């Protein structure tokens, strides 16, 4: 009986779940340069990590046209939908 209990405890210890994806790296320092002079209103889109399918790739910050973008920037994150992990890329949130 003691052997069975010991085997059960040892087998449960081997059931530690590890995330199916690597942690998102820390953000890089991404200085915001002066905006270009244009007639179009621009927003600074900060640099962020994107998932390439096999690892993270840094997308540097850039100025983008303000038209069509919300006022808030949402960094990328992992979500689990129907038991499948999916990368939600960084994007503008409609406001």
Protein backbone atom coordinates (compact mmCIF):
# COMPACT_ATOMS: atom_id res chain seq x y z
CA UNK A 1 0.00 0.00 0.00
CA UNK A 2 2.81 2.40 0.86
CA UNK A 3 4.53 1.68 -2.43
CA UNK A 4 1.34 2.48 -4.35
CA UNK A 5 0.95 5.77 -2.46
CA UNK A 6 4.60 6.66 -3.14
CA UNK A 7 4.20 5.89 -6.85
CA UNK A 8 1.06 8.06 -6.96
CA UNK A 9 2.86 11.01 -5.34
CA UNK A 10 5.82 10.66 -7.69
CA UNK A 11 3.61 10.43 -10.76
CA UNK A 12 1.67 13.56 -9.73
CA UNK A 13 4.94 15.44 -9.35
CA UNK A 14 5.72 14.70 -13.00
CA UNK A 15 2.43 16.33 -14.10
CA UNK A 16 3.70 19.89 -13.78
CA UNK A 17 2.26 21.81 -16.72
CA UNK A 18 4.58 24.08 -18.63
CA UNK A 19 3.29 26.83 -20.89
CA UNK A 20 3.18 25.81 -24.56
CA UNK A 21 4.90 29.04 -25.57
CA UNK A 22 7.85 31.13 -24.39
CA UNK A 23 7.25 34.22 -22.29
CA UNK A 24 7.08 37.52 -24.12
CA UNK A 25 10.46 39.27 -23.78
CA UNK A 26 10.76 42.56 -21.94
CA UNK A 27 10.07 45.65 -24.00
CA UNK A 28 13.07 47.37 -25.54
CA UNK A 29 13.86 51.03 -25.10
CA UNK A 30 12.29 52.54 -28.20
CA UNK A 31 12.93 56.30 -28.31
CA UNK A 32 10.31 58.34 -30.12
CA UNK A 33 11.96 60.53 -32.77
CA UNK A 34 10.49 63.83 -33.89
CA UNK A 35 7.57 63.21 -36.24
CA UNK A 36 8.00 63.86 -39.94
CA UNK A 37 6.44 67.03 -41.28
CA UNK A 38 3.28 66.06 -43.17
CA UNK A 39 -0.21 67.43 -43.74
CA UNK A 40 -1.59 64.15 -42.36
CA UNK A 41 -1.98 63.73 -38.58
CA UNK A 42 0.29 60.96 -37.28
CA UNK A 43 0.37 58.80 -34.14
CA UNK A 44 3.41 57.12 -32.65
CA UNK A 45 2.98 53.35 -32.71
CA UNK A 46 5.38 51.99 -30.08
CA UNK A 47 7.77 49.15 -30.79
CA UNK A 48 6.47 45.71 -29.82
CA UNK A 49 7.19 42.00 -30.01
CA UNK A 50 5.43 39.98 -32.74
CA UNK A 51 5.27 36.19 -32.87
CA UNK A 52 6.79 34.80 -36.08
CA UNK A 53 5.51 31.27 -35.58
CA UNK A 54 8.79 30.08 -34.09
CA UNK A 55 9.90 32.99 -31.93
CA UNK A 56 9.48 36.67 -31.13
CA UNK A 57 10.59 39.37 -33.56
CA UNK A 58 10.96 43.01 -32.55
CA UNK A 59 8.89 45.45 -34.63
CA UNK A 60 10.39 48.92 -34.08
CA UNK A 61 8.21 51.92 -33.31
CA UNK A 62 6.98 54.09 -36.16
CA UNK A 63 4.67 56.94 -36.98
CA UNK A 64 1.41 55.83 -38.59
CA UNK A 65 -1.53 57.81 -39.99
CA UNK A 66 -3.96 58.72 -37.19
CA UNK A 67 -7.00 58.12 -39.42
CA UNK A 68 -8.59 54.75 -38.70
CA UNK A 69 -6.73 54.14 -35.44
CA UNK A 70 -8.18 54.23 -31.96
CA UNK A 71 -6.60 56.18 -29.18
CA UNK A 72 -5.13 53.23 -27.24
CA UNK A 73 -2.36 50.79 -28.12
CA UNK A 74 -2.78 47.18 -26.93
CA UNK A 75 0.41 45.09 -26.76
CA UNK A 76 0.33 41.51 -28.04
CA UNK A 77 -0.61 38.62 -25.74
CA UNK A 78 -1.36 34.89 -25.70
CA UNK A 79 -4.97 33.74 -25.34
CA UNK A 80 -6.45 30.27 -25.11
CA UNK A 81 -9.52 29.65 -27.28
CA UNK A 82 -11.18 26.21 -27.32
CA UNK A 83 -8.05 24.67 -25.78
CA UNK A 84 -5.73 26.13 -28.44
CA UNK A 85 -3.15 28.82 -27.67
CA UNK A 86 -3.31 31.75 -30.08
CA UNK A 87 -1.11 34.84 -30.37
CA UNK A 88 -3.13 38.08 -30.38
CA UNK A 89 -0.90 40.62 -32.13
CA UNK A 90 -0.42 44.15 -30.88
CA UNK A 91 -3.03 46.52 -32.28
CA UNK A 92 -4.92 49.78 -31.91
CA UNK A 93 -8.10 49.66 -29.82
CA UNK A 94 -11.07 51.53 -31.22
CA UNK A 95 -12.06 54.22 -28.81
